[in-house]
Amino acid sequence: MTDLPLTEEERSQIQLRLQALEMEHHDLDDVIDRLALDPSQDRLQLQRLKKRKLLLKDQISRLRTRLIPDIIA
C-alpha cells in the first residue's frame, strides 16, 4: 500500500469492485442457506462455499479500509 491518497478514479474502481464482491457475498449467503436445509447436499461442497464466503468477506473488509483515509492523531 502507499501513503498517497486515492485518486477519484481509484476510489471509483474500488467502490465498483466492492459492490461486486458484496453482491457475490450476499448471493453465496442465500445459496448456503438453501443448501444447508437439504440433508442430501454434499457437505464438502457446502464447506467450500462457506470458505469462499469468508474470503469474500476479507476482501470486502480490505477494500473498505482502503476507502477510509488515514487519520493522523
PDB file of N, CA and C in Angstrom:
ATOM      1  N   MET A   1       0.838  -1.185   0.000  1.00  0.00           N
ATOM      2  CA  MET A   1       0.000   0.000   0.000  1.00  0.00           C
ATOM      3  C   MET A   1       0.879   1.243   0.000  1.00  0.00           C
ATOM      4  N   THR A   2       0.296   2.291  -0.396  1.00  0.00           N
ATOM      5  CA  THR A   2       1.025   3.545  -0.484  1.00  0.00           C
ATOM      6  C   THR A   2       0.407   4.569   0.459  1.00  0.00           C
ATOM      7  N   ASP A   3       1.201   5.564   0.816  1.00  0.00           N
ATOM      8  CA  ASP A   3       0.715   6.613   1.712  1.00  0.00           C
ATOM      9  C   ASP A   3      -0.032   7.705   0.956  1.00  0.00           C
ATOM     10  N   LEU A   4       0.028   7.654  -0.368  1.00  0.00           N
ATOM     11  CA  LEU A   4      -0.640   8.675  -1.170  1.00  0.00           C
ATOM     12  C   LEU A   4      -2.153   8.469  -1.123  1.00  0.00           C
ATOM     13  N   PRO A   5      -2.896   9.577  -1.100  1.00  0.00           N
ATOM     14  CA  PRO A   5      -4.358   9.439  -1.117  1.00  0.00           C
ATOM     15  C   PRO A   5      -4.820   8.879  -2.463  1.00  0.00           C
ATOM     16  N   LEU A   6      -5.974   8.248  -2.445  1.00  0.00           N
ATOM     17  CA  LEU A   6      -6.531   7.667  -3.667  1.00  0.00           C
ATOM     18  C   LEU A   6      -7.014   8.755  -4.609  1.00  0.00           C
ATOM     19  N   THR A   7      -6.822   8.511  -5.899  1.00  0.00           N
ATOM     20  CA  THR A   7      -7.400   9.422  -6.879  1.00  0.00           C
ATOM     21  C   THR A   7      -8.895   9.091  -6.988  1.00  0.00           C
ATOM     22  N   GLU A   8      -9.632   9.965  -7.620  1.00  0.00           N
ATOM     23  CA  GLU A   8     -11.071   9.718  -7.795  1.00  0.00           C
ATOM     24  C   GLU A   8     -11.307   8.458  -8.626  1.00  0.00           C
ATOM     25  N   GLU A   9     -10.449   8.243  -9.619  1.00  0.00           N
ATOM     26  CA  GLU A   9     -10.582   7.044 -10.453  1.00  0.00           C
ATOM     27  C   GLU A   9     -10.330   5.775  -9.641  1.00  0.00           C
ATOM     28  N   GLU A  10      -9.294   5.792  -8.808  1.00  0.00           N
ATOM     29  CA  GLU A  10      -9.002   4.636  -7.958  1.00  0.00           C
ATOM     30  C   GLU A  10     -10.140   4.386  -6.980  1.00  0.00           C
ATOM     31  N   ARG A  11     -10.643   5.456  -6.386  1.00  0.00           N
ATOM     32  CA  ARG A  11     -11.756   5.341  -5.442  1.00  0.00           C
ATOM     33  C   ARG A  11     -12.988   4.739  -6.135  1.00  0.00           C
ATOM     34  N   SER A  12     -13.256   5.193  -7.351  1.00  0.00           N
ATOM     35  CA  SER A  12     -14.398   4.691  -8.124  1.00  0.00           C
ATOM     36  C   SER A  12     -14.220   3.211  -8.455  1.00  0.00           C
ATOM     37  N   GLN A  13     -13.021   2.824  -8.857  1.00  0.00           N
ATOM     38  CA  GLN A  13     -12.740   1.424  -9.176  1.00  0.00           C
ATOM     39  C   GLN A  13     -12.913   0.533  -7.942  1.00  0.00           C
ATOM     40  N   ILE A  14     -12.435   0.999  -6.812  1.00  0.00           N
ATOM     41  CA  ILE A  14     -12.564   0.233  -5.569  1.00  0.00           C
ATOM     42  C   ILE A  14     -14.032   0.091  -5.196  1.00  0.00           C
ATOM     43  N   GLN A  15     -14.803   1.166  -5.339  1.00  0.00           N
ATOM     44  CA  GLN A  15     -16.227   1.105  -4.998  1.00  0.00           C
ATOM     45  C   GLN A  15     -16.968   0.129  -5.901  1.00  0.00           C
ATOM     46  N   LEU A  16     -16.637   0.109  -7.189  1.00  0.00           N
ATOM     47  CA  LEU A  16     -17.268  -0.839  -8.111  1.00  0.00           C
ATOM     48  C   LEU A  16     -16.918  -2.277  -7.736  1.00  0.00           C
ATOM     49  N   ARG A  17     -15.655  -2.505  -7.441  1.00  0.00           N
ATOM     50  CA  ARG A  17     -15.212  -3.857  -7.033  1.00  0.00           C
ATOM     51  C   ARG A  17     -15.897  -4.263  -5.738  1.00  0.00           C
ATOM     52  N   LEU A  18     -16.013  -3.329  -4.825  1.00  0.00           N
ATOM     53  CA  LEU A  18     -16.657  -3.577  -3.543  1.00  0.00           C
ATOM     54  C   LEU A  18     -18.123  -3.982  -3.736  1.00  0.00           C
ATOM     55  N   GLN A  19     -18.815  -3.284  -4.616  1.00  0.00           N
ATOM     56  CA  GLN A  19     -20.216  -3.622  -4.896  1.00  0.00           C
ATOM     57  C   GLN A  19     -20.343  -5.027  -5.473  1.00  0.00           C
ATOM     58  N   ALA A  20     -19.447  -5.385  -6.381  1.00  0.00           N
ATOM     59  CA  ALA A  20     -19.489  -6.717  -6.983  1.00  0.00           C
ATOM     60  C   ALA A  20     -19.228  -7.802  -5.943  1.00  0.00           C
ATOM     61  N   LEU A  21     -18.242  -7.566  -5.077  1.00  0.00           N
ATOM     62  CA  LEU A  21     -17.924  -8.548  -4.036  1.00  0.00           C
ATOM     63  C   LEU A  21     -19.066  -8.683  -3.034  1.00  0.00           C
ATOM     64  N   GLU A  22     -19.682  -7.559  -2.673  1.00  0.00           N
ATOM     65  CA  GLU A  22     -20.801  -7.607  -1.731  1.00  0.00           C
ATOM     66  C   GLU A  22     -21.986  -8.369  -2.322  1.00  0.00           C
ATOM     67  N   MET A  23     -22.221  -8.189  -3.613  1.00  0.00           N
ATOM     68  CA  MET A  23     -23.313  -8.907  -4.267  1.00  0.00           C
ATOM     69  C   MET A  23     -23.027 -10.412  -4.281  1.00  0.00           C
ATOM     70  N   GLU A  24     -21.793 -10.771  -4.630  1.00  0.00           N
ATOM     71  CA  GLU A  24     -21.417 -12.186  -4.642  1.00  0.00           C
ATOM     72  C   GLU A  24     -21.522 -12.780  -3.238  1.00  0.00           C
ATOM     73  N   HIS A  25     -21.106 -12.035  -2.221  1.00  0.00           N
ATOM     74  CA  HIS A  25     -21.186 -12.490  -0.838  1.00  0.00           C
ATOM     75  C   HIS A  25     -22.644 -12.741  -0.449  1.00  0.00           C
ATOM     76  N   HIS A  26     -23.516 -11.813  -0.802  1.00  0.00           N
ATOM     77  CA  HIS A  26     -24.942 -11.950  -0.488  1.00  0.00           C
ATOM     78  C   HIS A  26     -25.536 -13.166  -1.209  1.00  0.00           C
ATOM     79  N   ASP A  27     -25.189 -13.325  -2.486  1.00  0.00           N
ATOM     80  CA  ASP A  27     -25.684 -14.468  -3.252  1.00  0.00           C
ATOM     81  C   ASP A  27     -25.210 -15.788  -2.652  1.00  0.00           C
ATOM     82  N   LEU A  28     -23.945 -15.838  -2.263  1.00  0.00           N
ATOM     83  CA  LEU A  28     -23.409 -17.049  -1.633  1.00  0.00           C
ATOM     84  C   LEU A  28     -24.133 -17.347  -0.330  1.00  0.00           C
ATOM     85  N   ASP A  29     -24.441 -16.313   0.411  1.00  0.00           N
ATOM     86  CA  ASP A  29     -25.174 -16.470   1.666  1.00  0.00           C
ATOM     87  C   ASP A  29     -26.519 -17.155   1.407  1.00  0.00           C
ATOM     88  N   ASP A  30     -27.221 -16.706   0.374  1.00  0.00           N
ATOM     89  CA  ASP A  30     -28.510 -17.306   0.016  1.00  0.00           C
ATOM     90  C   ASP A  30     -28.350 -18.767  -0.394  1.00  0.00           C
ATOM     91  N   VAL A  31     -27.351 -19.044  -1.217  1.00  0.00           N
ATOM     92  CA  VAL A  31     -27.119 -20.418  -1.682  1.00  0.00           C
ATOM     93  C   VAL A  31     -26.781 -21.323  -0.502  1.00  0.00           C
ATOM     94  N   ILE A  32     -25.922 -20.859   0.373  1.00  0.00           N
ATOM     95  CA  ILE A  32     -25.517 -21.658   1.535  1.00  0.00           C
ATOM     96  C   ILE A  32     -26.728 -21.945   2.424  1.00  0.00           C
ATOM     97  N   ASP A  33     -27.555 -20.945   2.646  1.00  0.00           N
ATOM     98  CA  ASP A  33     -28.754 -21.148   3.467  1.00  0.00           C
ATOM     99  C   ASP A  33     -29.672 -22.210   2.863  1.00  0.00           C
ATOM    100  N   ARG A  34     -29.872 -22.148   1.551  1.00  0.00           N
ATOM    101  CA  ARG A  34     -30.740 -23.128   0.886  1.00  0.00           C
ATOM    102  C   ARG A  34     -30.141 -24.526   0.918  1.00  0.00           C
ATOM    103  N   LEU A  35     -28.850 -24.631   0.652  1.00  0.00           N
ATOM    104  CA  LEU A  35     -28.202 -25.941   0.646  1.00  0.00           C
ATOM    105  C   LEU A  35     -28.152 -26.563   2.040  1.00  0.00           C
ATOM    106  N   ALA A  36     -28.004 -25.729   3.042  1.00  0.00           N
ATOM    107  CA  ALA A  36     -27.927 -26.229   4.418  1.00  0.00           C
ATOM    108  C   ALA A  36     -29.241 -26.878   4.854  1.00  0.00           C
ATOM    109  N   LEU A  37     -30.338 -26.491   4.241  1.00  0.00           N
ATOM    110  CA  LEU A  37     -31.647 -27.055   4.588  1.00  0.00           C
ATOM    111  C   LEU A  37     -31.857 -28.442   3.985  1.00  0.00           C
ATOM    112  N   ASP A  38     -31.089 -28.774   2.967  1.00  0.00           N
ATOM    113  CA  ASP A  38     -31.235 -30.049   2.276  1.00  0.00           C
ATOM    114  C   ASP A  38     -30.225 -31.060   2.821  1.00  0.00           C
ATOM    115  N   PRO A  39     -30.692 -32.067   3.572  1.00  0.00           N
ATOM    116  CA  PRO A  39     -29.758 -33.034   4.183  1.00  0.00           C
ATOM    117  C   PRO A  39     -29.004 -33.892   3.160  1.00  0.00           C
ATOM    118  N   SER A  40     -29.494 -33.958   1.937  1.00  0.00           N
ATOM    119  CA  SER A  40     -28.816 -34.774   0.926  1.00  0.00           C
ATOM    120  C   SER A  40     -27.668 -34.027   0.245  1.00  0.00           C
ATOM    121  N   GLN A  41     -27.482 -32.774   0.582  1.00  0.00           N
ATOM    122  CA  GLN A  41     -26.435 -31.969  -0.050  1.00  0.00           C
ATOM    123  C   GLN A  41     -25.046 -32.436   0.369  1.00  0.00           C
ATOM    124  N   ASP A  42     -24.118 -32.266  -0.548  1.00  0.00           N
ATOM    125  CA  ASP A  42     -22.718 -32.607  -0.323  1.00  0.00           C
ATOM    126  C   ASP A  42     -22.115 -31.633   0.693  1.00  0.00           C
ATOM    127  N   ARG A  43     -21.690 -32.159   1.817  1.00  0.00           N
ATOM    128  CA  ARG A  43     -21.127 -31.322   2.890  1.00  0.00           C
ATOM    129  C   ARG A  43     -19.816 -30.670   2.469  1.00  0.00           C
ATOM    130  N   LEU A  44     -19.040 -31.363   1.649  1.00  0.00           N
ATOM    131  CA  LEU A  44     -17.775 -30.793   1.192  1.00  0.00           C
ATOM    132  C   LEU A  44     -18.034 -29.560   0.326  1.00  0.00           C
ATOM    133  N   GLN A  45     -19.010 -29.644  -0.556  1.00  0.00           N
ATOM    134  CA  GLN A  45     -19.375 -28.503  -1.392  1.00  0.00           C
ATOM    135  C   GLN A  45     -19.836 -27.334  -0.525  1.00  0.00           C
ATOM    136  N   LEU A  46     -20.621 -27.628   0.487  1.00  0.00           N
ATOM    137  CA  LEU A  46     -21.105 -26.596   1.402  1.00  0.00           C
ATOM    138  C   LEU A  46     -19.935 -25.919   2.126  1.00  0.00           C
ATOM    139  N   GLN A  47     -18.958 -26.703   2.555  1.00  0.00           N
ATOM    140  CA  GLN A  47     -17.778 -26.149   3.227  1.00  0.00           C
ATOM    141  C   GLN A  47     -16.969 -25.262   2.280  1.00  0.00           C
ATOM    142  N   ARG A  48     -16.875 -25.668   1.019  1.00  0.00           N
ATOM    143  CA  ARG A  48     -16.149 -24.861   0.032  1.00  0.00           C
ATOM    144  C   ARG A  48     -16.844 -23.513  -0.185  1.00  0.00           C
ATOM    145  N   LEU A  49     -18.169 -23.547  -0.243  1.00  0.00           N
ATOM    146  CA  LEU A  49     -18.921 -22.301  -0.410  1.00  0.00           C
ATOM    147  C   LEU A  49     -18.739 -21.385   0.799  1.00  0.00           C
ATOM    148  N   LYS A  50     -18.737 -21.962   1.982  1.00  0.00           N
ATOM    149  CA  LYS A  50     -18.541 -21.165   3.198  1.00  0.00           C
ATOM    150  C   LYS A  50     -17.148 -20.544   3.224  1.00  0.00           C
ATOM    151  N   LYS A  51     -16.155 -21.313   2.784  1.00  0.00           N
ATOM    152  CA  LYS A  51     -14.782 -20.793   2.738  1.00  0.00           C
ATOM    153  C   LYS A  51     -14.691 -19.634   1.748  1.00  0.00           C
ATOM    154  N   ARG A  52     -15.324 -19.797   0.584  1.00  0.00           N
ATOM    155  CA  ARG A  52     -15.341 -18.719  -0.422  1.00  0.00           C
ATOM    156  C   ARG A  52     -15.998 -17.473   0.153  1.00  0.00           C
ATOM    157  N   LYS A  53     -17.080 -17.673   0.900  1.00  0.00           N
ATOM    158  CA  LYS A  53     -17.788 -16.547   1.510  1.00  0.00           C
ATOM    159  C   LYS A  53     -16.879 -15.806   2.500  1.00  0.00           C
ATOM    160  N   LEU A  54     -16.110 -16.544   3.276  1.00  0.00           N
ATOM    161  CA  LEU A  54     -15.172 -15.910   4.215  1.00  0.00           C
ATOM    162  C   LEU A  54     -14.071 -15.142   3.485  1.00  0.00           C
ATOM    163  N   LEU A  55     -13.588 -15.695   2.388  1.00  0.00           N
ATOM    164  CA  LEU A  55     -12.567 -14.996   1.601  1.00  0.00           C
ATOM    165  C   LEU A  55     -13.131 -13.695   1.033  1.00  0.00           C
ATOM    166  N   LEU A  56     -14.375 -13.748   0.575  1.00  0.00           N
ATOM    167  CA  LEU A  56     -15.022 -12.535   0.069  1.00  0.00           C
ATOM    168  C   LEU A  56     -15.149 -11.496   1.174  1.00  0.00           C
ATOM    169  N   LYS A  57     -15.524 -11.945   2.358  1.00  0.00           N
ATOM    170  CA  LYS A  57     -15.671 -11.026   3.496  1.00  0.00           C
ATOM    171  C   LYS A  57     -14.344 -10.326   3.797  1.00  0.00           C
ATOM    172  N   ASP A  58     -13.252 -11.080   3.737  1.00  0.00           N
ATOM    173  CA  ASP A  58     -11.928 -10.492   3.971  1.00  0.00           C
ATOM    174  C   ASP A  58     -11.575  -9.464   2.893  1.00  0.00           C
ATOM    175  N   GLN A  59     -11.859  -9.798   1.640  1.00  0.00           N
ATOM    176  CA  GLN A  59     -11.583  -8.858   0.549  1.00  0.00           C
ATOM    177  C   GLN A  59     -12.403  -7.583   0.703  1.00  0.00           C
ATOM    178  N   ILE A  60     -13.663  -7.740   1.067  1.00  0.00           N
ATOM    179  CA  ILE A  60     -14.544  -6.589   1.279  1.00  0.00           C
ATOM    180  C   ILE A  60     -13.989  -5.706   2.389  1.00  0.00           C
ATOM    181  N   SER A  61     -13.561  -6.320   3.453  1.00  0.00           N
ATOM    182  CA  SER A  61     -13.010  -5.569   4.579  1.00  0.00           C
ATOM    183  C   SER A  61     -11.758  -4.790   4.180  1.00  0.00           C
ATOM    184  N   ARG A  62     -10.873  -5.425   3.415  1.00  0.00           N
ATOM    185  CA  ARG A  62      -9.651  -4.743   2.978  1.00  0.00           C
ATOM    186  C   ARG A  62      -9.967  -3.567   2.061  1.00  0.00           C
ATOM    187  N   LEU A  63     -10.924  -3.743   1.160  1.00  0.00           N
ATOM    188  CA  LEU A  63     -11.281  -2.646   0.260  1.00  0.00           C
ATOM    189  C   LEU A  63     -11.928  -1.491   1.016  1.00  0.00           C
ATOM    190  N   ARG A  64     -12.776  -1.796   1.970  1.00  0.00           N
ATOM    191  CA  ARG A  64     -13.400  -0.735   2.779  1.00  0.00           C
ATOM    192  C   ARG A  64     -12.333   0.045   3.538  1.00  0.00           C
ATOM    193  N   THR A  65     -11.332  -0.653   4.038  1.00  0.00           N
ATOM    194  CA  THR A  65     -10.239   0.002   4.758  1.00  0.00           C
ATOM    195  C   THR A  65      -9.480   0.951   3.843  1.00  0.00           C
ATOM    196  N   ARG A  66      -9.304   0.568   2.588  1.00  0.00           N
ATOM    197  CA  ARG A  66      -8.606   1.447   1.630  1.00  0.00           C
ATOM    198  C   ARG A  66      -9.390   2.707   1.342  1.00  0.00           C
ATOM    199  N   LEU A  67     -10.717   2.629   1.437  1.00  0.00           N
ATOM    200  CA  LEU A  67     -11.546   3.801   1.147  1.00  0.00           C
ATOM    201  C   LEU A  67     -11.563   4.814   2.288  1.00  0.00           C
ATOM    202  N   ILE A  68     -11.201   4.341   3.484  1.00  0.00           N
ATOM    203  CA  ILE A  68     -11.202   5.233   4.647  1.00  0.00           C
ATOM    204  C   ILE A  68      -9.821   5.876   4.755  1.00  0.00           C
ATOM    205  N   PRO A  69      -9.743   7.199   4.667  1.00  0.00           N
ATOM    206  CA  PRO A  69      -8.431   7.846   4.744  1.00  0.00           C
ATOM    207  C   PRO A  69      -7.827   7.704   6.150  1.00  0.00           C
ATOM    208  N   ASP A  70      -6.506   7.627   6.167  1.00  0.00           N
ATOM    209  CA  ASP A  70      -5.808   7.567   7.463  1.00  0.00           C
ATOM    210  C   ASP A  70      -5.994   8.891   8.200  1.00  0.00           C
ATOM    211  N   ILE A  71      -6.242   8.774   9.486  1.00  0.00           N
ATOM    212  CA  ILE A  71      -6.389   9.957  10.326  1.00  0.00           C
ATOM    213  C   ILE A  71      -5.126  10.076  11.172  1.00  0.00           C
ATOM    214  N   ILE A  72      -4.451  11.184  11.031  1.00  0.00           N
ATOM    215  CA  ILE A  72      -3.230  11.405  11.790  1.00  0.00           C
ATOM    216  C   ILE A  72      -3.614  12.021  13.125  1.00  0.00           C
ATOM    217  N   ALA A  73      -3.258  11.322  14.196  1.00  0.00           N
ATOM    218  CA  ALA A  73      -3.628  11.803  15.533  1.00  0.00           C
ATOM    219  C   ALA A  73      -2.687  12.871  16.010  1.00  0.00           C
TER     220      ALA A  73
END
